[in-house]
Amino acid sequence: MEGINMNCWKTVNFHKKYGTQRLFILSSMTTIGCFLFLYVPITTYFAHNKLSDDYFLLFMTSILLIYPLHKLLHLLPMIHLGDKIKKTWNVQFLPVLHIQVKEPIGKIQFQFALIFPFVIISGLLLVSCFLFTSYVHYFLMIFAYHTGICVPDFIRIKNLWKSPRSCYVEENEDGFEILINNVSELS
């Protein structure tokens, strides 16, 4: 973006505006609500099938790996940007990938990277509900958990929703900035 003069249209201090505790509560409530909302209709639809508790260890492993997979899927739509994206692995209990957009990228590309994990993982889990009907409860729990993980992404998308279509997004430690091009503003 060298040679292009950009102005900040809006700054979203994500941590100050929402806070870790509030995001955790929203994510937890979303997880519980999503499971309760989907469990009754889907298990009623599959009422003729007996639910199985086989493969519980695989289910628990899936719960543990869903977050690293979610983060990896955020990276895939932006992998071609190379050095514009800061990638750091943090290993505590499981390896977690932290991704930060260091240089401005287009709003549409940023939003696509935010929604990509939800679309891919949720789609696979919902299809699995219909393919492996004896394990529908496992897939619904993982689906609900993953939907809760996606809450911060949905909030970021909401914050970008009414921004100009041709704007750019750049992240920092506290949140992100929505930048506009001075030339497009004059036109």
C-alpha atoms as a PDB file:
ATOM      1  CA  MET A   1       0.000   0.000   0.000  1.00  0.00           C
ATOM      2  CA  GLU A   2       3.006   2.277  -0.476  1.00  0.00           C
ATOM      3  CA  GLY A   3       2.255   5.638  -2.046  1.00  0.00           C
ATOM      4  CA  ILE A   4      -1.425   5.544  -1.110  1.00  0.00           C
ATOM      5  CA  ASN A   5      -2.542   8.014   1.524  1.00  0.00           C
ATOM      6  CA  MET A   6      -4.989   6.374   3.927  1.00  0.00           C
ATOM      7  CA  ASN A   7      -7.130   7.905   6.659  1.00  0.00           C
ATOM      8  CA  CYS A   8      -8.625   6.094   9.608  1.00  0.00           C
ATOM      9  CA  TRP A   9     -12.404   5.917   9.191  1.00  0.00           C
ATOM     10  CA  LYS A  10     -12.985   4.086  12.472  1.00  0.00           C
ATOM     11  CA  THR A  11     -10.933   2.421  15.184  1.00  0.00           C
ATOM     12  CA  VAL A  12     -12.424  -0.553  17.007  1.00  0.00           C
ATOM     13  CA  ASN A  13     -10.697  -1.213  20.320  1.00  0.00           C
ATOM     14  CA  PHE A  14     -11.964  -4.770  20.599  1.00  0.00           C
ATOM     15  CA  HIS A  15     -10.585  -5.520  24.067  1.00  0.00           C
ATOM     16  CA  LYS A  16     -11.799  -2.251  25.587  1.00  0.00           C
ATOM     17  CA  LYS A  17     -15.232  -2.331  23.935  1.00  0.00           C
ATOM     18  CA  TYR A  18     -16.060  -5.973  24.671  1.00  0.00           C
ATOM     19  CA  GLY A  19     -13.493  -7.298  27.147  1.00  0.00           C
ATOM     20  CA  THR A  20     -12.350 -10.866  27.646  1.00  0.00           C
ATOM     21  CA  GLN A  21     -14.936 -11.710  30.303  1.00  0.00           C
ATOM     22  CA  ARG A  22     -17.861 -10.348  28.301  1.00  0.00           C
ATOM     23  CA  LEU A  23     -16.712 -12.240  25.199  1.00  0.00           C
ATOM     24  CA  PHE A  24     -16.390 -15.426  27.250  1.00  0.00           C
ATOM     25  CA  ILE A  25     -19.924 -14.995  28.624  1.00  0.00           C
ATOM     26  CA  LEU A  26     -21.352 -14.233  25.145  1.00  0.00           C
ATOM     27  CA  SER A  27     -19.533 -17.226  23.673  1.00  0.00           C
ATOM     28  CA  SER A  28     -20.696 -19.520  26.464  1.00  0.00           C
ATOM     29  CA  MET A  29     -24.300 -18.363  26.164  1.00  0.00           C
ATOM     30  CA  THR A  30     -24.141 -18.800  22.385  1.00  0.00           C
ATOM     31  CA  THR A  31     -22.780 -22.329  22.792  1.00  0.00           C
ATOM     32  CA  ILE A  32     -25.518 -23.338  25.240  1.00  0.00           C
ATOM     33  CA  GLY A  33     -28.280 -21.610  23.269  1.00  0.00           C
ATOM     34  CA  CYS A  34     -27.138 -23.111  19.981  1.00  0.00           C
ATOM     35  CA  PHE A  35     -27.078 -26.625  21.436  1.00  0.00           C
ATOM     36  CA  LEU A  36     -30.497 -26.269  23.082  1.00  0.00           C
ATOM     37  CA  PHE A  37     -32.020 -24.740  19.962  1.00  0.00           C
ATOM     38  CA  LEU A  38     -30.729 -27.502  17.645  1.00  0.00           C
ATOM     39  CA  TYR A  39     -30.755 -30.615  19.833  1.00  0.00           C
ATOM     40  CA  VAL A  40     -34.511 -31.109  20.190  1.00  0.00           C
ATOM     41  CA  PRO A  41     -35.482 -30.654  16.514  1.00  0.00           C
ATOM     42  CA  ILE A  42     -32.577 -32.670  15.128  1.00  0.00           C
ATOM     43  CA  THR A  43     -32.884 -35.554  17.582  1.00  0.00           C
ATOM     44  CA  THR A  44     -36.640 -35.568  16.969  1.00  0.00           C
ATOM     45  CA  TYR A  45     -35.945 -35.824  13.250  1.00  0.00           C
ATOM     46  CA  PHE A  46     -33.622 -38.778  13.925  1.00  0.00           C
ATOM     47  CA  ALA A  47     -35.856 -40.285  16.649  1.00  0.00           C
ATOM     48  CA  HIS A  48     -35.808 -43.688  14.936  1.00  0.00           C
ATOM     49  CA  ASN A  49     -32.019 -43.964  15.513  1.00  0.00           C
ATOM     50  CA  LYS A  50     -30.439 -45.028  18.743  1.00  0.00           C
ATOM     51  CA  LEU A  51     -27.735 -42.660  19.947  1.00  0.00           C
ATOM     52  CA  SER A  52     -24.367 -44.234  20.638  1.00  0.00           C
ATOM     53  CA  ASP A  53     -21.657 -43.232  23.091  1.00  0.00           C
ATOM     54  CA  ASP A  54     -18.911 -45.097  21.220  1.00  0.00           C
ATOM     55  CA  TYR A  55     -15.887 -43.057  20.156  1.00  0.00           C
ATOM     56  CA  PHE A  56     -16.087 -40.751  23.182  1.00  0.00           C
ATOM     57  CA  LEU A  57     -12.288 -40.358  23.140  1.00  0.00           C
ATOM     58  CA  LEU A  58     -12.471 -39.235  19.510  1.00  0.00           C
ATOM     59  CA  PHE A  59     -15.202 -36.767  20.480  1.00  0.00           C
ATOM     60  CA  MET A  60     -13.026 -35.303  23.265  1.00  0.00           C
ATOM     61  CA  THR A  61     -10.040 -35.098  20.915  1.00  0.00           C
ATOM     62  CA  SER A  62     -12.234 -33.231  18.413  1.00  0.00           C
ATOM     63  CA  ILE A  63     -13.274 -30.760  21.112  1.00  0.00           C
ATOM     64  CA  LEU A  64      -9.598 -30.116  21.896  1.00  0.00           C
ATOM     65  CA  LEU A  65      -8.542 -29.742  18.256  1.00  0.00           C
ATOM     66  CA  ILE A  66     -11.436 -27.596  17.055  1.00  0.00           C
ATOM     67  CA  TYR A  67      -9.855 -24.294  18.171  1.00  0.00           C
ATOM     68  CA  PRO A  68      -6.443 -24.850  16.515  1.00  0.00           C
ATOM     69  CA  LEU A  69      -8.276 -25.991  13.357  1.00  0.00           C
ATOM     70  CA  HIS A  70     -10.490 -22.879  13.539  1.00  0.00           C
ATOM     71  CA  LYS A  71      -7.418 -20.626  13.703  1.00  0.00           C
ATOM     72  CA  LEU A  72      -5.714 -22.475  10.851  1.00  0.00           C
ATOM     73  CA  LEU A  73      -8.801 -21.990   8.685  1.00  0.00           C
ATOM     74  CA  HIS A  74      -8.647 -18.243   9.378  1.00  0.00           C
ATOM     75  CA  LEU A  75      -5.172 -18.268   7.869  1.00  0.00           C
ATOM     76  CA  LEU A  76      -5.991 -20.177   4.665  1.00  0.00           C
ATOM     77  CA  PRO A  77      -7.797 -17.343   2.810  1.00  0.00           C
ATOM     78  CA  MET A  78      -4.917 -14.977   3.664  1.00  0.00           C
ATOM     79  CA  ILE A  79      -1.919 -17.303   3.253  1.00  0.00           C
ATOM     80  CA  HIS A  80      -1.054 -15.760  -0.125  1.00  0.00           C
ATOM     81  CA  LEU A  81      -0.482 -12.368   1.564  1.00  0.00           C
ATOM     82  CA  GLY A  82       2.789 -13.617   3.061  1.00  0.00           C
ATOM     83  CA  ASP A  83       4.498 -10.930   5.145  1.00  0.00           C
ATOM     84  CA  LYS A  84       1.341  -8.813   5.508  1.00  0.00           C
ATOM     85  CA  ILE A  85       0.171 -11.415   8.028  1.00  0.00           C
ATOM     86  CA  LYS A  86       1.995 -11.951  11.317  1.00  0.00           C
ATOM     87  CA  LYS A  87       1.747 -15.595  12.376  1.00  0.00           C
ATOM     88  CA  THR A  88       2.913 -16.794  15.779  1.00  0.00           C
ATOM     89  CA  TRP A  89       2.411 -20.170  17.424  1.00  0.00           C
ATOM     90  CA  ASN A  90       1.780 -20.225  21.140  1.00  0.00           C
ATOM     91  CA  VAL A  91       1.951 -23.604  22.841  1.00  0.00           C
ATOM     92  CA  GLN A  92       0.367 -23.882  26.262  1.00  0.00           C
ATOM     93  CA  PHE A  93      -1.779 -27.003  26.450  1.00  0.00           C
ATOM     94  CA  LEU A  94      -2.336 -27.202  22.686  1.00  0.00           C
ATOM     95  CA  PRO A  95      -0.662 -25.283  19.886  1.00  0.00           C
ATOM     96  CA  VAL A  96      -2.600 -22.101  19.095  1.00  0.00           C
ATOM     97  CA  LEU A  97      -1.954 -19.931  16.068  1.00  0.00           C
ATOM     98  CA  HIS A  98      -2.192 -16.155  16.535  1.00  0.00           C
ATOM     99  CA  ILE A  99      -2.811 -14.203  13.340  1.00  0.00           C
ATOM    100  CA  GLN A 100      -2.547 -10.439  12.948  1.00  0.00           C
ATOM    101  CA  VAL A 101      -2.933  -8.383   9.759  1.00  0.00           C
ATOM    102  CA  LYS A 102       0.131  -6.082   9.846  1.00  0.00           C
ATOM    103  CA  GLU A 103      -0.613  -4.175   6.623  1.00  0.00           C
ATOM    104  CA  PRO A 104      -3.990  -3.038   5.298  1.00  0.00           C
ATOM    105  CA  ILE A 105      -6.043  -5.618   3.393  1.00  0.00           C
ATOM    106  CA  GLY A 106      -9.439  -5.223   1.739  1.00  0.00           C
ATOM    107  CA  LYS A 107     -12.592  -5.352   3.840  1.00  0.00           C
ATOM    108  CA  ILE A 108     -14.132  -8.181   1.785  1.00  0.00           C
ATOM    109  CA  GLN A 109     -11.019 -10.339   2.094  1.00  0.00           C
ATOM    110  CA  PHE A 110     -10.860  -9.719   5.854  1.00  0.00           C
ATOM    111  CA  GLN A 111     -14.537 -10.603   6.303  1.00  0.00           C
ATOM    112  CA  PHE A 112     -14.097 -13.739   4.198  1.00  0.00           C
ATOM    113  CA  ALA A 113     -11.177 -14.833   6.397  1.00  0.00           C
ATOM    114  CA  LEU A 114     -13.348 -14.238   9.482  1.00  0.00           C
ATOM    115  CA  ILE A 115     -16.347 -16.287   8.272  1.00  0.00           C
ATOM    116  CA  PHE A 116     -14.383 -19.061   6.505  1.00  0.00           C
ATOM    117  CA  PRO A 117     -13.864 -21.342   9.569  1.00  0.00           C
ATOM    118  CA  PHE A 118     -17.545 -21.126  10.530  1.00  0.00           C
ATOM    119  CA  VAL A 119     -18.730 -22.045   7.040  1.00  0.00           C
ATOM    120  CA  ILE A 120     -16.299 -24.950   6.574  1.00  0.00           C
ATOM    121  CA  ILE A 121     -16.420 -26.536  10.043  1.00  0.00           C
ATOM    122  CA  SER A 122     -20.153 -25.990  10.597  1.00  0.00           C
ATOM    123  CA  GLY A 123     -20.961 -27.311   7.149  1.00  0.00           C
ATOM    124  CA  LEU A 124     -18.932 -30.478   7.744  1.00  0.00           C
ATOM    125  CA  LEU A 125     -20.496 -31.006  11.166  1.00  0.00           C
ATOM    126  CA  LEU A 126     -24.064 -30.566   9.906  1.00  0.00           C
ATOM    127  CA  VAL A 127     -23.456 -32.938   6.989  1.00  0.00           C
ATOM    128  CA  SER A 128     -21.968 -35.427   9.476  1.00  0.00           C
ATOM    129  CA  CYS A 129     -25.203 -35.271  11.497  1.00  0.00           C
ATOM    130  CA  PHE A 130     -27.039 -36.718   8.503  1.00  0.00           C
ATOM    131  CA  LEU A 131     -24.331 -39.236   7.569  1.00  0.00           C
ATOM    132  CA  PHE A 132     -23.661 -40.643  11.044  1.00  0.00           C
ATOM    133  CA  THR A 133     -27.034 -40.366  12.747  1.00  0.00           C
ATOM    134  CA  SER A 134     -26.055 -42.440  15.800  1.00  0.00           C
ATOM    135  CA  TYR A 135     -23.549 -39.731  16.725  1.00  0.00           C
ATOM    136  CA  VAL A 136     -25.706 -36.693  16.026  1.00  0.00           C
ATOM    137  CA  HIS A 137     -25.386 -35.579  19.664  1.00  0.00           C
ATOM    138  CA  TYR A 138     -21.573 -35.478  19.370  1.00  0.00           C
ATOM    139  CA  PHE A 139     -21.709 -33.434  16.180  1.00  0.00           C
ATOM    140  CA  LEU A 140     -24.246 -31.015  17.671  1.00  0.00           C
ATOM    141  CA  MET A 141     -22.094 -30.474  20.769  1.00  0.00           C
ATOM    142  CA  ILE A 142     -19.028 -29.772  18.617  1.00  0.00           C
ATOM    143  CA  PHE A 143     -21.137 -27.530  16.352  1.00  0.00           C
ATOM    144  CA  ALA A 144     -22.444 -25.529  19.321  1.00  0.00           C
ATOM    145  CA  TYR A 145     -18.949 -25.256  20.825  1.00  0.00           C
ATOM    146  CA  HIS A 146     -17.529 -24.069  17.520  1.00  0.00           C
ATOM    147  CA  THR A 147     -20.332 -21.528  17.099  1.00  0.00           C
ATOM    148  CA  GLY A 148     -19.373 -20.144  20.520  1.00  0.00           C
ATOM    149  CA  ILE A 149     -15.753 -19.905  19.381  1.00  0.00           C
ATOM    150  CA  CYS A 150     -16.946 -17.920  16.341  1.00  0.00           C
ATOM    151  CA  VAL A 151     -18.691 -15.195  18.392  1.00  0.00           C
ATOM    152  CA  PRO A 152     -15.681 -12.789  18.328  1.00  0.00           C
ATOM    153  CA  ASP A 153     -15.501 -13.264  14.540  1.00  0.00           C
ATOM    154  CA  PHE A 154     -19.206 -12.451  14.198  1.00  0.00           C
ATOM    155  CA  ILE A 155     -18.714  -9.303  16.296  1.00  0.00           C
ATOM    156  CA  ARG A 156     -15.808  -8.202  14.088  1.00  0.00           C
ATOM    157  CA  ILE A 157     -17.932  -8.782  10.973  1.00  0.00           C
ATOM    158  CA  LYS A 158     -20.764  -6.743  12.552  1.00  0.00           C
ATOM    159  CA  ASN A 159     -18.343  -3.874  13.234  1.00  0.00           C
ATOM    160  CA  LEU A 160     -17.243  -3.925   9.583  1.00  0.00           C
ATOM    161  CA  TRP A 161     -20.765  -4.272   8.158  1.00  0.00           C
ATOM    162  CA  LYS A 162     -21.567  -0.569   7.628  1.00  0.00           C
ATOM    163  CA  SER A 163     -18.058   0.523   6.684  1.00  0.00           C
ATOM    164  CA  PRO A 164     -17.384   1.692   3.114  1.00  0.00           C
ATOM    165  CA  ARG A 165     -17.134  -1.194   0.641  1.00  0.00           C
ATOM    166  CA  SER A 166     -13.710  -0.180  -0.646  1.00  0.00           C
ATOM    167  CA  CYS A 167     -12.107   0.295   2.770  1.00  0.00           C
ATOM    168  CA  TYR A 168      -9.123  -1.564   4.176  1.00  0.00           C
ATOM    169  CA  VAL A 169      -8.581  -3.236   7.541  1.00  0.00           C
ATOM    170  CA  GLU A 170      -5.434  -3.268   9.636  1.00  0.00           C
ATOM    171  CA  GLU A 171      -5.160  -4.996  13.019  1.00  0.00           C
ATOM    172  CA  ASN A 172      -3.245  -3.957  16.105  1.00  0.00           C
ATOM    173  CA  GLU A 173      -2.924  -5.424  19.607  1.00  0.00           C
ATOM    174  CA  ASP A 174      -6.145  -3.762  20.823  1.00  0.00           C
ATOM    175  CA  GLY A 175      -8.418  -4.339  17.847  1.00  0.00           C
ATOM    176  CA  PHE A 176      -8.461  -3.053  14.281  1.00  0.00           C
ATOM    177  CA  GLU A 177      -8.646   0.099  12.213  1.00  0.00           C
ATOM    178  CA  ILE A 178     -10.873   0.679   9.205  1.00  0.00           C
ATOM    179  CA  LEU A 179      -8.945   2.745   6.687  1.00  0.00           C
ATOM    180  CA  ILE A 180     -10.197   4.618   3.625  1.00  0.00           C
ATOM    181  CA  ASN A 181      -8.276   5.862   0.628  1.00  0.00           C
ATOM    182  CA  ASN A 182      -8.192   9.672   0.331  1.00  0.00           C
ATOM    183  CA  VAL A 183      -8.593   9.482  -3.470  1.00  0.00           C
ATOM    184  CA  SER A 184     -11.826   7.440  -3.266  1.00  0.00           C
ATOM    185  CA  GLU A 185     -13.155   9.863  -0.665  1.00  0.00           C
ATOM    186  CA  LEU A 186     -12.736  12.807  -3.075  1.00  0.00           C
ATOM    187  CA  SER A 187     -14.485  11.051  -5.981  1.00  0.00           C
END
